[in-house]
Amino acid sequence: MHCEQPPRSTDSSKDDVDDTPLTDEPVDMEEEEEEEVDLEELNEEELREFHVLNRQLDALDQVLDSLEEKNDVIHSQLKDLLEDSKKTRLEIQQSNQEK
């Protein structure tokens, strides 16, 4: 089985980690202080960093999509297993009642 791993960070500091819990709630753009980035205003080094981050985000998105797909497959398999188990249990109960 092929396991995908997220890109490794070369920076071992955890100072920039956002501990805010993730939710499925929509983000209110007025509350977020996002800064529009004008690529034309970036110097060469900042532009390279921007492209590296963009590629890392794309890779992360692919890994998350893969995990979501695997989760869906596992969920489906568990539902099938539960259904088979229930069916077997009912058959055993019916067989015991007939005796």
N, C-alpha and C. Protein backbone atom coordinates (compact mmCIF):
# COMPACT_ATOMS: atom_id res chain seq x y z
N MET A 1 0.85 -1.17 0.00
CA MET A 1 0.00 0.00 0.00
C MET A 1 0.89 1.24 0.00
N HIS A 2 0.61 2.17 -0.84
CA HIS A 2 1.40 3.39 -0.97
C HIS A 2 0.88 4.45 -0.01
N CYS A 3 1.77 4.95 0.85
CA CYS A 3 1.38 5.98 1.80
C CYS A 3 2.02 7.30 1.40
N GLU A 4 1.23 8.31 1.28
CA GLU A 4 1.76 9.62 0.97
C GLU A 4 2.07 10.34 2.25
N GLN A 5 3.20 11.05 2.28
CA GLN A 5 3.56 11.80 3.46
C GLN A 5 3.65 13.27 3.10
N PRO A 6 3.29 14.12 4.04
CA PRO A 6 3.35 15.56 3.77
C PRO A 6 4.79 16.01 3.63
N PRO A 7 5.01 17.12 2.94
CA PRO A 7 6.37 17.63 2.81
C PRO A 7 6.95 17.94 4.18
N ARG A 8 8.24 17.66 4.33
CA ARG A 8 8.90 17.89 5.61
C ARG A 8 9.39 19.32 5.69
N SER A 9 9.22 19.89 6.84
CA SER A 9 9.66 21.25 7.07
C SER A 9 11.11 21.23 7.50
N THR A 10 11.90 22.15 6.98
CA THR A 10 13.29 22.25 7.38
C THR A 10 13.43 23.10 8.64
N ASP A 11 12.40 23.81 9.01
CA ASP A 11 12.42 24.66 10.19
C ASP A 11 11.80 23.89 11.34
N SER A 12 12.57 23.68 12.40
CA SER A 12 12.07 22.88 13.51
C SER A 12 11.34 23.71 14.55
N SER A 13 11.28 25.01 14.38
CA SER A 13 10.60 25.84 15.38
C SER A 13 9.10 25.71 15.23
N LYS A 14 8.44 25.78 16.36
CA LYS A 14 6.98 25.66 16.38
C LYS A 14 6.34 26.98 16.75
N ASP A 15 7.10 28.09 16.69
CA ASP A 15 6.60 29.39 17.12
C ASP A 15 5.45 29.89 16.27
N ASP A 16 5.41 29.53 14.99
CA ASP A 16 4.41 30.06 14.08
C ASP A 16 3.19 29.17 13.94
N VAL A 17 3.05 28.16 14.81
CA VAL A 17 1.94 27.22 14.72
C VAL A 17 0.68 27.88 15.25
N ASP A 18 -0.39 27.79 14.46
CA ASP A 18 -1.68 28.32 14.86
C ASP A 18 -2.47 27.19 15.51
N ASP A 19 -2.75 27.31 16.81
CA ASP A 19 -3.44 26.26 17.54
C ASP A 19 -4.95 26.40 17.47
N THR A 20 -5.46 27.27 16.62
CA THR A 20 -6.89 27.46 16.48
C THR A 20 -7.51 26.19 15.92
N PRO A 21 -8.55 25.66 16.56
CA PRO A 21 -9.18 24.44 16.04
C PRO A 21 -9.78 24.67 14.66
N LEU A 22 -9.66 23.65 13.82
CA LEU A 22 -10.23 23.72 12.48
C LEU A 22 -11.71 23.39 12.53
N THR A 23 -12.50 24.13 11.78
CA THR A 23 -13.93 23.87 11.72
C THR A 23 -14.37 23.90 10.28
N ASP A 24 -15.58 23.43 10.04
CA ASP A 24 -16.16 23.49 8.70
C ASP A 24 -16.96 24.75 8.50
N GLU A 25 -16.90 25.65 9.49
CA GLU A 25 -17.66 26.89 9.38
C GLU A 25 -17.02 27.80 8.35
N PRO A 26 -17.84 28.52 7.59
CA PRO A 26 -17.27 29.44 6.60
C PRO A 26 -16.50 30.56 7.29
N VAL A 27 -15.45 30.99 6.65
CA VAL A 27 -14.62 32.06 7.21
C VAL A 27 -15.22 33.40 6.83
N ASP A 28 -15.40 34.23 7.82
CA ASP A 28 -15.90 35.57 7.57
C ASP A 28 -14.71 36.44 7.15
N MET A 29 -14.70 36.86 5.90
CA MET A 29 -13.56 37.58 5.35
C MET A 29 -13.36 38.93 6.03
N GLU A 30 -14.40 39.49 6.62
CA GLU A 30 -14.26 40.76 7.31
C GLU A 30 -13.44 40.59 8.59
N GLU A 31 -13.59 39.45 9.25
CA GLU A 31 -12.85 39.21 10.47
C GLU A 31 -11.41 38.83 10.19
N GLU A 32 -11.17 38.18 9.09
CA GLU A 32 -9.82 37.78 8.73
C GLU A 32 -9.04 38.99 8.24
N GLU A 33 -7.82 39.07 8.66
CA GLU A 33 -6.98 40.17 8.24
C GLU A 33 -6.04 39.68 7.14
N GLU A 34 -6.61 39.25 6.03
CA GLU A 34 -5.81 38.77 4.92
C GLU A 34 -5.32 39.94 4.09
N GLU A 35 -4.10 39.80 3.68
CA GLU A 35 -3.47 40.85 2.90
C GLU A 35 -3.37 40.38 1.45
N GLU A 36 -3.91 41.17 0.55
CA GLU A 36 -3.80 40.84 -0.86
C GLU A 36 -2.34 40.96 -1.27
N VAL A 37 -1.84 39.97 -1.99
CA VAL A 37 -0.44 40.00 -2.41
C VAL A 37 -0.39 40.35 -3.89
N ASP A 38 0.32 41.43 -4.20
CA ASP A 38 0.53 41.82 -5.59
C ASP A 38 1.88 41.25 -6.00
N LEU A 39 1.85 40.24 -6.88
CA LEU A 39 3.08 39.56 -7.26
C LEU A 39 4.09 40.49 -7.91
N GLU A 40 3.61 41.55 -8.52
CA GLU A 40 4.51 42.48 -9.19
C GLU A 40 5.34 43.28 -8.19
N GLU A 41 4.84 43.41 -6.96
CA GLU A 41 5.54 44.19 -5.95
C GLU A 41 6.56 43.37 -5.17
N LEU A 42 6.59 42.06 -5.36
CA LEU A 42 7.51 41.20 -4.62
C LEU A 42 8.89 41.21 -5.26
N ASN A 43 9.92 41.16 -4.41
CA ASN A 43 11.26 41.04 -4.98
C ASN A 43 11.49 39.58 -5.37
N GLU A 44 12.64 39.31 -5.96
CA GLU A 44 12.91 37.98 -6.51
C GLU A 44 12.87 36.89 -5.43
N GLU A 45 13.44 37.17 -4.28
CA GLU A 45 13.46 36.18 -3.20
C GLU A 45 12.05 35.92 -2.67
N GLU A 46 11.27 36.98 -2.47
CA GLU A 46 9.90 36.83 -1.99
C GLU A 46 9.05 36.08 -3.00
N LEU A 47 9.30 36.33 -4.27
CA LEU A 47 8.55 35.64 -5.33
C LEU A 47 8.86 34.14 -5.30
N ARG A 48 10.15 33.80 -5.11
CA ARG A 48 10.54 32.39 -5.01
C ARG A 48 9.87 31.74 -3.80
N GLU A 49 9.88 32.43 -2.67
CA GLU A 49 9.24 31.90 -1.47
C GLU A 49 7.75 31.71 -1.69
N PHE A 50 7.14 32.65 -2.37
CA PHE A 50 5.71 32.56 -2.65
C PHE A 50 5.42 31.32 -3.50
N HIS A 51 6.24 31.09 -4.52
CA HIS A 51 6.03 29.92 -5.39
C HIS A 51 6.29 28.61 -4.65
N VAL A 52 7.29 28.61 -3.75
CA VAL A 52 7.56 27.41 -2.95
C VAL A 52 6.36 27.12 -2.05
N LEU A 53 5.85 28.15 -1.39
CA LEU A 53 4.68 27.96 -0.53
C LEU A 53 3.46 27.51 -1.33
N ASN A 54 3.30 28.06 -2.51
CA ASN A 54 2.18 27.68 -3.37
C ASN A 54 2.28 26.20 -3.75
N ARG A 55 3.49 25.74 -4.09
CA ARG A 55 3.67 24.33 -4.43
C ARG A 55 3.42 23.44 -3.22
N GLN A 56 3.87 23.89 -2.04
CA GLN A 56 3.63 23.11 -0.82
C GLN A 56 2.14 23.02 -0.52
N LEU A 57 1.42 24.11 -0.72
CA LEU A 57 -0.03 24.09 -0.50
C LEU A 57 -0.72 23.16 -1.50
N ASP A 58 -0.26 23.17 -2.75
CA ASP A 58 -0.82 22.26 -3.75
C ASP A 58 -0.57 20.80 -3.35
N ALA A 59 0.65 20.51 -2.86
CA ALA A 59 0.97 19.15 -2.43
C ALA A 59 0.11 18.76 -1.24
N LEU A 60 -0.06 19.67 -0.30
CA LEU A 60 -0.90 19.42 0.87
C LEU A 60 -2.34 19.16 0.45
N ASP A 61 -2.83 19.94 -0.49
CA ASP A 61 -4.19 19.76 -1.00
C ASP A 61 -4.36 18.37 -1.62
N GLN A 62 -3.35 17.92 -2.37
CA GLN A 62 -3.42 16.59 -2.97
C GLN A 62 -3.42 15.50 -1.90
N VAL A 63 -2.59 15.66 -0.87
CA VAL A 63 -2.55 14.68 0.21
C VAL A 63 -3.89 14.65 0.94
N LEU A 64 -4.46 15.82 1.21
CA LEU A 64 -5.76 15.87 1.89
C LEU A 64 -6.85 15.24 1.03
N ASP A 65 -6.82 15.47 -0.27
CA ASP A 65 -7.80 14.84 -1.17
C ASP A 65 -7.65 13.32 -1.13
N SER A 66 -6.41 12.85 -1.12
CA SER A 66 -6.15 11.41 -1.05
C SER A 66 -6.67 10.83 0.26
N LEU A 67 -6.41 11.53 1.37
CA LEU A 67 -6.90 11.06 2.67
C LEU A 67 -8.43 11.03 2.72
N GLU A 68 -9.04 12.04 2.14
CA GLU A 68 -10.50 12.08 2.11
C GLU A 68 -11.06 10.91 1.31
N GLU A 69 -10.42 10.62 0.18
CA GLU A 69 -10.86 9.50 -0.65
C GLU A 69 -10.69 8.17 0.10
N LYS A 70 -9.54 8.00 0.76
CA LYS A 70 -9.31 6.77 1.53
C LYS A 70 -10.31 6.66 2.68
N ASN A 71 -10.62 7.79 3.33
CA ASN A 71 -11.59 7.80 4.40
C ASN A 71 -12.96 7.37 3.88
N ASP A 72 -13.34 7.85 2.71
CA ASP A 72 -14.62 7.46 2.11
C ASP A 72 -14.67 5.97 1.83
N VAL A 73 -13.55 5.40 1.34
CA VAL A 73 -13.49 3.97 1.05
C VAL A 73 -13.62 3.17 2.35
N ILE A 74 -12.89 3.60 3.38
CA ILE A 74 -12.96 2.90 4.66
C ILE A 74 -14.37 2.98 5.24
N HIS A 75 -14.99 4.15 5.14
CA HIS A 75 -16.36 4.31 5.64
C HIS A 75 -17.31 3.35 4.92
N SER A 76 -17.16 3.26 3.61
CA SER A 76 -18.01 2.37 2.82
C SER A 76 -17.77 0.91 3.23
N GLN A 77 -16.51 0.54 3.42
CA GLN A 77 -16.19 -0.83 3.82
C GLN A 77 -16.76 -1.14 5.21
N LEU A 78 -16.69 -0.17 6.11
CA LEU A 78 -17.23 -0.38 7.45
C LEU A 78 -18.75 -0.54 7.42
N LYS A 79 -19.41 0.25 6.57
CA LYS A 79 -20.85 0.10 6.44
C LYS A 79 -21.20 -1.28 5.90
N ASP A 80 -20.45 -1.77 4.91
CA ASP A 80 -20.68 -3.10 4.36
C ASP A 80 -20.45 -4.17 5.43
N LEU A 81 -19.38 -4.00 6.20
CA LEU A 81 -19.07 -4.96 7.26
C LEU A 81 -20.17 -4.98 8.31
N LEU A 82 -20.65 -3.80 8.69
CA LEU A 82 -21.73 -3.71 9.67
C LEU A 82 -22.99 -4.39 9.14
N GLU A 83 -23.29 -4.15 7.89
CA GLU A 83 -24.48 -4.76 7.29
C GLU A 83 -24.35 -6.29 7.25
N ASP A 84 -23.17 -6.79 6.85
CA ASP A 84 -22.94 -8.23 6.82
C ASP A 84 -23.01 -8.84 8.22
N SER A 85 -22.45 -8.12 9.19
CA SER A 85 -22.48 -8.61 10.57
C SER A 85 -23.90 -8.68 11.10
N LYS A 86 -24.67 -7.66 10.80
CA LYS A 86 -26.08 -7.64 11.24
C LYS A 86 -26.86 -8.78 10.59
N LYS A 87 -26.61 -8.98 9.31
CA LYS A 87 -27.30 -10.04 8.58
C LYS A 87 -26.93 -11.41 9.16
N THR A 88 -25.66 -11.62 9.45
CA THR A 88 -25.21 -12.89 10.02
C THR A 88 -25.81 -13.10 11.40
N ARG A 89 -25.82 -12.04 12.22
CA ARG A 89 -26.39 -12.13 13.56
C ARG A 89 -27.86 -12.52 13.49
N LEU A 90 -28.61 -11.89 12.57
CA LEU A 90 -30.04 -12.23 12.42
C LEU A 90 -30.22 -13.67 11.96
N GLU A 91 -29.36 -14.14 11.07
CA GLU A 91 -29.46 -15.52 10.60
C GLU A 91 -29.19 -16.50 11.74
N ILE A 92 -28.21 -16.16 12.59
CA ILE A 92 -27.89 -17.03 13.73
C ILE A 92 -29.05 -17.04 14.71
N GLN A 93 -29.66 -15.86 14.96
CA GLN A 93 -30.81 -15.79 15.87
C GLN A 93 -31.97 -16.61 15.32
N GLN A 94 -32.24 -16.51 14.02
CA GLN A 94 -33.33 -17.29 13.41
C GLN A 94 -33.04 -18.79 13.50
N SER A 95 -31.80 -19.14 13.28
CA SER A 95 -31.43 -20.56 13.34
C SER A 95 -31.58 -21.10 14.77
N ASN A 96 -31.24 -20.29 15.76
CA ASN A 96 -31.38 -20.72 17.15
C ASN A 96 -32.86 -20.81 17.56
N GLN A 97 -33.70 -19.95 17.01
CA GLN A 97 -35.13 -20.00 17.33
C GLN A 97 -35.80 -21.22 16.73
N GLU A 98 -35.30 -21.71 15.60
CA GLU A 98 -35.89 -22.86 14.94
C GLU A 98 -35.55 -24.15 15.66
N LYS A 99 -34.54 -24.15 16.47
CA LYS A 99 -34.12 -25.38 17.17
C LYS A 99 -34.98 -25.68 18.36
